[in-house]
Amino acid sequence: FLNLIFWAAAGILCYVGAYVFITYDDYDHFFEDVY
């Protein structure tokens, strides 16, 4: 069951990471620290 959850988790984590990138792109002019 957990291995199935890991597949779902993989999709969710990639979505969260992509969301951070997309959202940051809208505000990157206001925050210069790319780290």
ModelCIF file with pLDDT and N, C-alpha, C, O atoms, coordinates in Angstrom:
data_MODEL
#
_entry.id   MODEL 
#
_entity.id                         1 
_entity.type                       polymer 
_entity.pdbx_number_of_molecules   1 
#
_entity_poly.entity_id                      1 
_entity_poly.type                           'polypeptide(L)' 
_entity_poly.nstd_linkage                   no 
_entity_poly.nstd_monomer                   no 
_entity_poly.pdbx_seq_one_letter_code       FLNLIFWAAAGILCYVGAYVFITYDDYDHFFEDVY 
_entity_poly.pdbx_seq_one_letter_code_can   FLNLIFWAAAGILCYVGAYVFITYDDYDHFFEDVY 
_entity_poly.pdbx_strand_id                 A 
#
loop_
_entity_poly_seq.entity_id 
_entity_poly_seq.num 
_entity_poly_seq.mon_id 
_entity_poly_seq.hetero 
1 1  PHE n 
1 2  LEU n 
1 3  ASN n 
1 4  LEU n 
1 5  ILE n 
1 6  PHE n 
1 7  TRP n 
1 8  ALA n 
1 9  ALA n 
1 10 ALA n 
1 11 GLY n 
1 12 ILE n 
1 13 LEU n 
1 14 CYS n 
1 15 TYR n 
1 16 VAL n 
1 17 GLY n 
1 18 ALA n 
1 19 TYR n 
1 20 VAL n 
1 21 PHE n 
1 22 ILE n 
1 23 THR n 
1 24 TYR n 
1 25 ASP n 
1 26 ASP n 
1 27 TYR n 
1 28 ASP n 
1 29 HIS n 
1 30 PHE n 
1 31 PHE n 
1 32 GLU n 
1 33 ASP n 
1 34 VAL n 
1 35 TYR n 
#
_struct_asym.id          A 
_struct_asym.entity_id   1 
#
loop_
_ma_qa_metric.id 
_ma_qa_metric.mode 
_ma_qa_metric.name 
_ma_qa_metric.software_group_id 
_ma_qa_metric.type 
1 global pLDDT . pLDDT 
2 local  pLDDT . pLDDT 
#
_ma_qa_metric_global.metric_id      1 
_ma_qa_metric_global.metric_value   71.00 
_ma_qa_metric_global.model_id       1 
_ma_qa_metric_global.ordinal_id     1 
#
loop_
_ma_qa_metric_local.label_asym_id 
_ma_qa_metric_local.label_comp_id 
_ma_qa_metric_local.label_seq_id 
_ma_qa_metric_local.metric_id 
_ma_qa_metric_local.metric_value 
_ma_qa_metric_local.model_id 
_ma_qa_metric_local.ordinal_id 
A PHE 1  2 75.00 1 1  
A LEU 2  2 71.00 1 2  
A ASN 3  2 73.00 1 3  
A LEU 4  2 77.00 1 4  
A ILE 5  2 76.00 1 5  
A PHE 6  2 75.00 1 6  
A TRP 7  2 78.00 1 7  
A ALA 8  2 80.00 1 8  
A ALA 9  2 75.00 1 9  
A ALA 10 2 79.00 1 10 
A GLY 11 2 82.00 1 11 
A ILE 12 2 79.00 1 12 
A LEU 13 2 76.00 1 13 
A CYS 14 2 81.00 1 14 
A TYR 15 2 82.00 1 15 
A VAL 16 2 76.00 1 16 
A GLY 17 2 77.00 1 17 
A ALA 18 2 80.00 1 18 
A TYR 19 2 76.00 1 19 
A VAL 20 2 72.00 1 20 
A PHE 21 2 73.00 1 21 
A ILE 22 2 73.00 1 22 
A THR 23 2 68.00 1 23 
A TYR 24 2 66.00 1 24 
A ASP 25 2 65.00 1 25 
A ASP 26 2 62.00 1 26 
A TYR 27 2 65.00 1 27 
A ASP 28 2 62.00 1 28 
A HIS 29 2 63.00 1 29 
A PHE 30 2 64.00 1 30 
A PHE 31 2 59.00 1 31 
A GLU 32 2 57.00 1 32 
A ASP 33 2 56.00 1 33 
A VAL 34 2 55.00 1 34 
A TYR 35 2 57.00 1 35 
#
loop_
_atom_site.group_PDB 
_atom_site.id 
_atom_site.type_symbol 
_atom_site.label_atom_id 
_atom_site.label_alt_id 
_atom_site.label_comp_id 
_atom_site.label_asym_id 
_atom_site.label_entity_id 
_atom_site.label_seq_id 
_atom_site.pdbx_PDB_ins_code 
_atom_site.Cartn_x 
_atom_site.Cartn_y 
_atom_site.Cartn_z 
_atom_site.occupancy 
_atom_site.B_iso_or_equiv 
_atom_site.pdbx_formal_charge 
_atom_site.auth_seq_id 
_atom_site.auth_comp_id 
_atom_site.auth_asym_id 
_atom_site.auth_atom_id 
_atom_site.pdbx_PDB_model_num 
ATOM 1   N N  . PHE A 1 1  ? 0.826  -1.199 0.000   1.00 75.00 ? 1  PHE A N  1 
ATOM 2   C CA . PHE A 1 1  ? 0.000  0.000  0.000   1.00 75.00 ? 1  PHE A CA 1 
ATOM 3   C C  . PHE A 1 1  ? 0.867  1.259  0.000   1.00 75.00 ? 1  PHE A C  1 
ATOM 4   O O  . PHE A 1 1  ? 0.561  2.227  -0.695  1.00 75.00 ? 1  PHE A O  1 
ATOM 5   N N  . LEU A 1 2  ? 1.956  1.242  0.786   1.00 71.00 ? 2  LEU A N  1 
ATOM 6   C CA . LEU A 1 2  ? 2.842  2.404  0.863   1.00 71.00 ? 2  LEU A CA 1 
ATOM 7   C C  . LEU A 1 2  ? 3.529  2.683  -0.470  1.00 71.00 ? 2  LEU A C  1 
ATOM 8   O O  . LEU A 1 2  ? 3.754  3.838  -0.833  1.00 71.00 ? 2  LEU A O  1 
ATOM 9   N N  . ASN A 1 3  ? 3.861  1.614  -1.197  1.00 73.00 ? 3  ASN A N  1 
ATOM 10  C CA . ASN A 1 3  ? 4.497  1.817  -2.500  1.00 73.00 ? 3  ASN A CA 1 
ATOM 11  C C  . ASN A 1 3  ? 3.559  2.538  -3.465  1.00 73.00 ? 3  ASN A C  1 
ATOM 12  O O  . ASN A 1 3  ? 4.000  3.339  -4.289  1.00 73.00 ? 3  ASN A O  1 
ATOM 13  N N  . LEU A 1 4  ? 2.268  2.249  -3.358  1.00 77.00 ? 4  LEU A N  1 
ATOM 14  C CA . LEU A 1 4  ? 1.285  2.976  -4.160  1.00 77.00 ? 4  LEU A CA 1 
ATOM 15  C C  . LEU A 1 4  ? 1.226  4.438  -3.726  1.00 77.00 ? 4  LEU A C  1 
ATOM 16  O O  . LEU A 1 4  ? 1.095  5.344  -4.549  1.00 77.00 ? 4  LEU A O  1 
ATOM 17  N N  . ILE A 1 5  ? 1.327  4.645  -2.407  1.00 76.00 ? 5  ILE A N  1 
ATOM 18  C CA . ILE A 1 5  ? 1.344  6.017  -1.883  1.00 76.00 ? 5  ILE A CA 1 
ATOM 19  C C  . ILE A 1 5  ? 2.576  6.763  -2.376  1.00 76.00 ? 5  ILE A C  1 
ATOM 20  O O  . ILE A 1 5  ? 2.504  7.958  -2.663  1.00 76.00 ? 5  ILE A O  1 
ATOM 21  N N  . PHE A 1 6  ? 3.720  6.061  -2.478  1.00 75.00 ? 6  PHE A N  1 
ATOM 22  C CA . PHE A 1 6  ? 4.945  6.695  -2.955  1.00 75.00 ? 6  PHE A CA 1 
ATOM 23  C C  . PHE A 1 6  ? 4.765  7.235  -4.377  1.00 75.00 ? 6  PHE A C  1 
ATOM 24  O O  . PHE A 1 6  ? 5.272  8.306  -4.711  1.00 75.00 ? 6  PHE A O  1 
ATOM 25  N N  . TRP A 1 7  ? 4.039  6.486  -5.207  1.00 78.00 ? 7  TRP A N  1 
ATOM 26  C CA . TRP A 1 7  ? 3.778  6.974  -6.567  1.00 78.00 ? 7  TRP A CA 1 
ATOM 27  C C  . TRP A 1 7  ? 2.914  8.238  -6.531  1.00 78.00 ? 7  TRP A C  1 
ATOM 28  O O  . TRP A 1 7  ? 3.163  9.198  -7.260  1.00 78.00 ? 7  TRP A O  1 
ATOM 29  N N  . ALA A 1 8  ? 1.900  8.217  -5.671  1.00 80.00 ? 8  ALA A N  1 
ATOM 30  C CA . ALA A 1 8  ? 1.054  9.405  -5.531  1.00 80.00 ? 8  ALA A CA 1 
ATOM 31  C C  . ALA A 1 8  ? 1.872  10.561 -4.951  1.00 80.00 ? 8  ALA A C  1 
ATOM 32  O O  . ALA A 1 8  ? 1.738  11.711 -5.371  1.00 80.00 ? 8  ALA A O  1 
ATOM 33  N N  . ALA A 1 9  ? 2.725  10.226 -3.975  1.00 75.00 ? 9  ALA A N  1 
ATOM 34  C CA . ALA A 1 9  ? 3.561  11.252 -3.335  1.00 75.00 ? 9  ALA A CA 1 
ATOM 35  C C  . ALA A 1 9  ? 4.510  11.884 -4.343  1.00 75.00 ? 9  ALA A C  1 
ATOM 36  O O  . ALA A 1 9  ? 4.766  13.087 -4.301  1.00 75.00 ? 9  ALA A O  1 
ATOM 37  N N  . ALA A 1 10 ? 5.033  11.054 -5.258  1.00 79.00 ? 10 ALA A N  1 
ATOM 38  C CA . ALA A 1 10 ? 5.945  11.570 -6.274  1.00 79.00 ? 10 ALA A CA 1 
ATOM 39  C C  . ALA A 1 10 ? 5.259  12.649 -7.109  1.00 79.00 ? 10 ALA A C  1 
ATOM 40  O O  . ALA A 1 10 ? 5.842  13.696 -7.391  1.00 79.00 ? 10 ALA A O  1 
ATOM 41  N N  . GLY A 1 11 ? 4.018  12.378 -7.499  1.00 82.00 ? 11 GLY A N  1 
ATOM 42  C CA . GLY A 1 11 ? 3.272  13.362 -8.283  1.00 82.00 ? 11 GLY A CA 1 
ATOM 43  C C  . GLY A 1 11 ? 2.989  14.629 -7.493  1.00 82.00 ? 11 GLY A C  1 
ATOM 44  O O  . GLY A 1 11 ? 3.098  15.737 -8.019  1.00 82.00 ? 11 GLY A O  1 
ATOM 45  N N  . ILE A 1 12 ? 2.621  14.458 -6.218  1.00 79.00 ? 12 ILE A N  1 
ATOM 46  C CA . ILE A 1 12 ? 2.299  15.616 -5.381  1.00 79.00 ? 12 ILE A CA 1 
ATOM 47  C C  . ILE A 1 12 ? 3.538  16.472 -5.125  1.00 79.00 ? 12 ILE A C  1 
ATOM 48  O O  . ILE A 1 12 ? 3.476  17.699 -5.200  1.00 79.00 ? 12 ILE A O  1 
ATOM 49  N N  . LEU A 1 13 ? 4.661  15.824 -4.825  1.00 76.00 ? 13 LEU A N  1 
ATOM 50  C CA . LEU A 1 13 ? 5.890  16.566 -4.562  1.00 76.00 ? 13 LEU A CA 1 
ATOM 51  C C  . LEU A 1 13 ? 6.351  17.337 -5.799  1.00 76.00 ? 13 LEU A C  1 
ATOM 52  O O  . LEU A 1 13 ? 6.772  18.489 -5.698  1.00 76.00 ? 13 LEU A O  1 
ATOM 53  N N  . CYS A 1 14 ? 6.268  16.699 -6.957  1.00 81.00 ? 14 CYS A N  1 
ATOM 54  C CA . CYS A 1 14 ? 6.645  17.397 -8.195  1.00 81.00 ? 14 CYS A CA 1 
ATOM 55  C C  . CYS A 1 14 ? 5.709  18.582 -8.444  1.00 81.00 ? 14 CYS A C  1 
ATOM 56  O O  . CYS A 1 14 ? 6.140  19.629 -8.925  1.00 81.00 ? 14 CYS A O  1 
ATOM 57  N N  . TYR A 1 15 ? 4.429  18.409 -8.113  1.00 82.00 ? 15 TYR A N  1 
ATOM 58  C CA . TYR A 1 15 ? 3.464  19.504 -8.273  1.00 82.00 ? 15 TYR A CA 1 
ATOM 59  C C  . TYR A 1 15 ? 3.817  20.671 -7.341  1.00 82.00 ? 15 TYR A C  1 
ATOM 60  O O  . TYR A 1 15 ? 3.793  21.834 -7.746  1.00 82.00 ? 15 TYR A O  1 
ATOM 61  N N  . VAL A 1 16 ? 4.148  20.336 -6.079  1.00 76.00 ? 16 VAL A N  1 
ATOM 62  C CA . VAL A 1 16 ? 4.521  21.381 -5.111  1.00 76.00 ? 16 VAL A CA 1 
ATOM 63  C C  . VAL A 1 16 ? 5.761  22.127 -5.583  1.00 76.00 ? 16 VAL A C  1 
ATOM 64  O O  . VAL A 1 16 ? 5.816  23.356 -5.533  1.00 76.00 ? 16 VAL A O  1 
ATOM 65  N N  . GLY A 1 17 ? 6.765  21.364 -6.045  1.00 77.00 ? 17 GLY A N  1 
ATOM 66  C CA . GLY A 1 17 ? 7.985  22.000 -6.538  1.00 77.00 ? 17 GLY A CA 1 
ATOM 67  C C  . GLY A 1 17 ? 7.719  22.896 -7.733  1.00 77.00 ? 17 GLY A C  1 
ATOM 68  O O  . GLY A 1 17 ? 8.246  24.005 -7.817  1.00 77.00 ? 17 GLY A O  1 
ATOM 69  N N  . ALA A 1 18 ? 6.889  22.406 -8.669  1.00 80.00 ? 18 ALA A N  1 
ATOM 70  C CA . ALA A 1 18 ? 6.552  23.206 -9.852  1.00 80.00 ? 18 ALA A CA 1 
ATOM 71  C C  . ALA A 1 18 ? 5.766  24.452 -9.456  1.00 80.00 ? 18 ALA A C  1 
ATOM 72  O O  . ALA A 1 18 ? 5.956  25.525 -10.029 1.00 80.00 ? 18 ALA A O  1 
ATOM 73  N N  . TYR A 1 19 ? 4.877  24.298 -8.468  1.00 76.00 ? 19 TYR A N  1 
ATOM 74  C CA . TYR A 1 19 ? 4.095  25.445 -7.984  1.00 76.00 ? 19 TYR A CA 1 
ATOM 75  C C  . TYR A 1 19 ? 5.011  26.522 -7.412  1.00 76.00 ? 19 TYR A C  1 
ATOM 76  O O  . TYR A 1 19 ? 4.794  27.714 -7.633  1.00 76.00 ? 19 TYR A O  1 
ATOM 77  N N  . VAL A 1 20 ? 6.044  26.092 -6.669  1.00 72.00 ? 20 VAL A N  1 
ATOM 78  C CA . VAL A 1 20 ? 6.995  27.047 -6.108  1.00 72.00 ? 20 VAL A CA 1 
ATOM 79  C C  . VAL A 1 20 ? 7.709  27.793 -7.231  1.00 72.00 ? 20 VAL A C  1 
ATOM 80  O O  . VAL A 1 20 ? 7.857  29.013 -7.170  1.00 72.00 ? 20 VAL A O  1 
ATOM 81  N N  . PHE A 1 21 ? 8.156  27.060 -8.265  1.00 73.00 ? 21 PHE A N  1 
ATOM 82  C CA . PHE A 1 21 ? 8.844  27.693 -9.389  1.00 73.00 ? 21 PHE A CA 1 
ATOM 83  C C  . PHE A 1 21 ? 7.949  28.701 -10.105 1.00 73.00 ? 21 PHE A C  1 
ATOM 84  O O  . PHE A 1 21 ? 8.368  29.823 -10.388 1.00 73.00 ? 21 PHE A O  1 
ATOM 85  N N  . ILE A 1 22 ? 6.719  28.295 -10.393 1.00 73.00 ? 22 ILE A N  1 
ATOM 86  C CA . ILE A 1 22 ? 5.794  29.160 -11.130 1.00 73.00 ? 22 ILE A CA 1 
ATOM 87  C C  . ILE A 1 22 ? 5.448  30.404 -10.317 1.00 73.00 ? 22 ILE A C  1 
ATOM 88  O O  . ILE A 1 22 ? 5.439  31.519 -10.840 1.00 73.00 ? 22 ILE A O  1 
ATOM 89  N N  . THR A 1 23 ? 5.161  30.196 -9.021  1.00 68.00 ? 23 THR A N  1 
ATOM 90  C CA . THR A 1 23 ? 4.806  31.328 -8.168  1.00 68.00 ? 23 THR A CA 1 
ATOM 91  C C  . THR A 1 23 ? 5.986  32.262 -7.977  1.00 68.00 ? 23 THR A C  1 
ATOM 92  O O  . THR A 1 23 ? 5.833  33.484 -7.993  1.00 68.00 ? 23 THR A O  1 
ATOM 93  N N  . TYR A 1 24 ? 7.177  31.674 -7.793  1.00 66.00 ? 24 TYR A N  1 
ATOM 94  C CA . TYR A 1 24 ? 8.376  32.498 -7.613  1.00 66.00 ? 24 TYR A CA 1 
ATOM 95  C C  . TYR A 1 24 ? 8.629  33.356 -8.846  1.00 66.00 ? 24 TYR A C  1 
ATOM 96  O O  . TYR A 1 24 ? 9.085  34.494 -8.733  1.00 66.00 ? 24 TYR A O  1 
ATOM 97  N N  . ASP A 1 25 ? 8.333  32.814 -10.016 1.00 65.00 ? 25 ASP A N  1 
ATOM 98  C CA . ASP A 1 25 ? 8.565  33.543 -11.256 1.00 65.00 ? 25 ASP A CA 1 
ATOM 99  C C  . ASP A 1 25 ? 7.751  34.830 -11.301 1.00 65.00 ? 25 ASP A C  1 
ATOM 100 O O  . ASP A 1 25 ? 8.166  35.812 -11.916 1.00 65.00 ? 25 ASP A O  1 
ATOM 101 N N  . ASP A 1 26 ? 6.585  34.822 -10.646 1.00 62.00 ? 26 ASP A N  1 
ATOM 102 C CA . ASP A 1 26 ? 5.745  36.019 -10.612 1.00 62.00 ? 26 ASP A CA 1 
ATOM 103 C C  . ASP A 1 26 ? 6.291  37.085 -9.663  1.00 62.00 ? 26 ASP A C  1 
ATOM 104 O O  . ASP A 1 26 ? 5.960  38.265 -9.780  1.00 62.00 ? 26 ASP A O  1 
ATOM 105 N N  . TYR A 1 27 ? 7.131  36.652 -8.725  1.00 65.00 ? 27 TYR A N  1 
ATOM 106 C CA . TYR A 1 27 ? 7.612  37.585 -7.699  1.00 65.00 ? 27 TYR A CA 1 
ATOM 107 C C  . TYR A 1 27 ? 9.132  37.746 -7.702  1.00 65.00 ? 27 TYR A C  1 
ATOM 108 O O  . TYR A 1 27 ? 9.685  38.403 -6.820  1.00 65.00 ? 27 TYR A O  1 
ATOM 109 N N  . ASP A 1 28 ? 9.818  37.147 -8.693  1.00 62.00 ? 28 ASP A N  1 
ATOM 110 C CA . ASP A 1 28 ? 11.278 37.136 -8.639  1.00 62.00 ? 28 ASP A CA 1 
ATOM 111 C C  . ASP A 1 28 ? 11.896 38.528 -8.760  1.00 62.00 ? 28 ASP A C  1 
ATOM 112 O O  . ASP A 1 28 ? 13.030 38.738 -8.330  1.00 62.00 ? 28 ASP A O  1 
ATOM 113 N N  . HIS A 1 29 ? 11.160 39.486 -9.342  1.00 63.00 ? 29 HIS A N  1 
ATOM 114 C CA . HIS A 1 29 ? 11.690 40.848 -9.426  1.00 63.00 ? 29 HIS A CA 1 
ATOM 115 C C  . HIS A 1 29 ? 11.767 41.512 -8.061  1.00 63.00 ? 29 HIS A C  1 
ATOM 116 O O  . HIS A 1 29 ? 12.514 42.472 -7.869  1.00 63.00 ? 29 HIS A O  1 
ATOM 117 N N  . PHE A 1 30 ? 10.998 41.001 -7.122  1.00 64.00 ? 30 PHE A N  1 
ATOM 118 C CA . PHE A 1 30 ? 10.947 41.623 -5.801  1.00 64.00 ? 30 PHE A CA 1 
ATOM 119 C C  . PHE A 1 30 ? 11.857 40.920 -4.795  1.00 64.00 ? 30 PHE A C  1 
ATOM 120 O O  . PHE A 1 30 ? 12.010 41.365 -3.657  1.00 64.00 ? 30 PHE A O  1 
ATOM 121 N N  . PHE A 1 31 ? 12.458 39.814 -5.237  1.00 59.00 ? 31 PHE A N  1 
ATOM 122 C CA . PHE A 1 31 ? 13.306 39.057 -4.316  1.00 59.00 ? 31 PHE A CA 1 
ATOM 123 C C  . PHE A 1 31 ? 14.496 38.523 -5.096  1.00 59.00 ? 31 PHE A C  1 
ATOM 124 O O  . PHE A 1 31 ? 14.341 37.648 -5.948  1.00 59.00 ? 31 PHE A O  1 
ATOM 125 N N  . GLU A 1 32 ? 15.694 39.050 -4.808  1.00 57.00 ? 32 GLU A N  1 
ATOM 126 C CA . GLU A 1 32 ? 16.864 38.763 -5.623  1.00 57.00 ? 32 GLU A CA 1 
ATOM 127 C C  . GLU A 1 32 ? 17.597 37.481 -5.240  1.00 57.00 ? 32 GLU A C  1 
ATOM 128 O O  . GLU A 1 32 ? 18.446 37.022 -6.004  1.00 57.00 ? 32 GLU A O  1 
ATOM 129 N N  . ASP A 1 33 ? 17.301 36.892 -4.091  1.00 56.00 ? 33 ASP A N  1 
ATOM 130 C CA . ASP A 1 33 ? 18.020 35.707 -3.629  1.00 56.00 ? 33 ASP A CA 1 
ATOM 131 C C  . ASP A 1 33 ? 17.478 34.456 -4.323  1.00 56.00 ? 33 ASP A C  1 
ATOM 132 O O  . ASP A 1 33 ? 16.464 33.898 -3.903  1.00 56.00 ? 33 ASP A O  1 
ATOM 133 N N  . VAL A 1 34 ? 18.164 34.015 -5.395  1.00 55.00 ? 34 VAL A N  1 
ATOM 134 C CA . VAL A 1 34 ? 17.704 32.841 -6.143  1.00 55.00 ? 34 VAL A CA 1 
ATOM 135 C C  . VAL A 1 34 ? 17.858 31.557 -5.337  1.00 55.00 ? 34 VAL A C  1 
ATOM 136 O O  . VAL A 1 34 ? 17.259 30.538 -5.680  1.00 55.00 ? 34 VAL A O  1 
ATOM 137 N N  . TYR A 1 35 ? 18.656 31.593 -4.265  1.00 57.00 ? 35 TYR A N  1 
ATOM 138 C CA . TYR A 1 35 ? 18.854 30.396 -3.455  1.00 57.00 ? 35 TYR A CA 1 
ATOM 139 C C  . TYR A 1 35 ? 17.575 29.969 -2.747  1.00 57.00 ? 35 TYR A C  1 
ATOM 140 O O  . TYR A 1 35 ? 17.574 28.974 -2.022  1.00 57.00 ? 35 TYR A O  1 
#
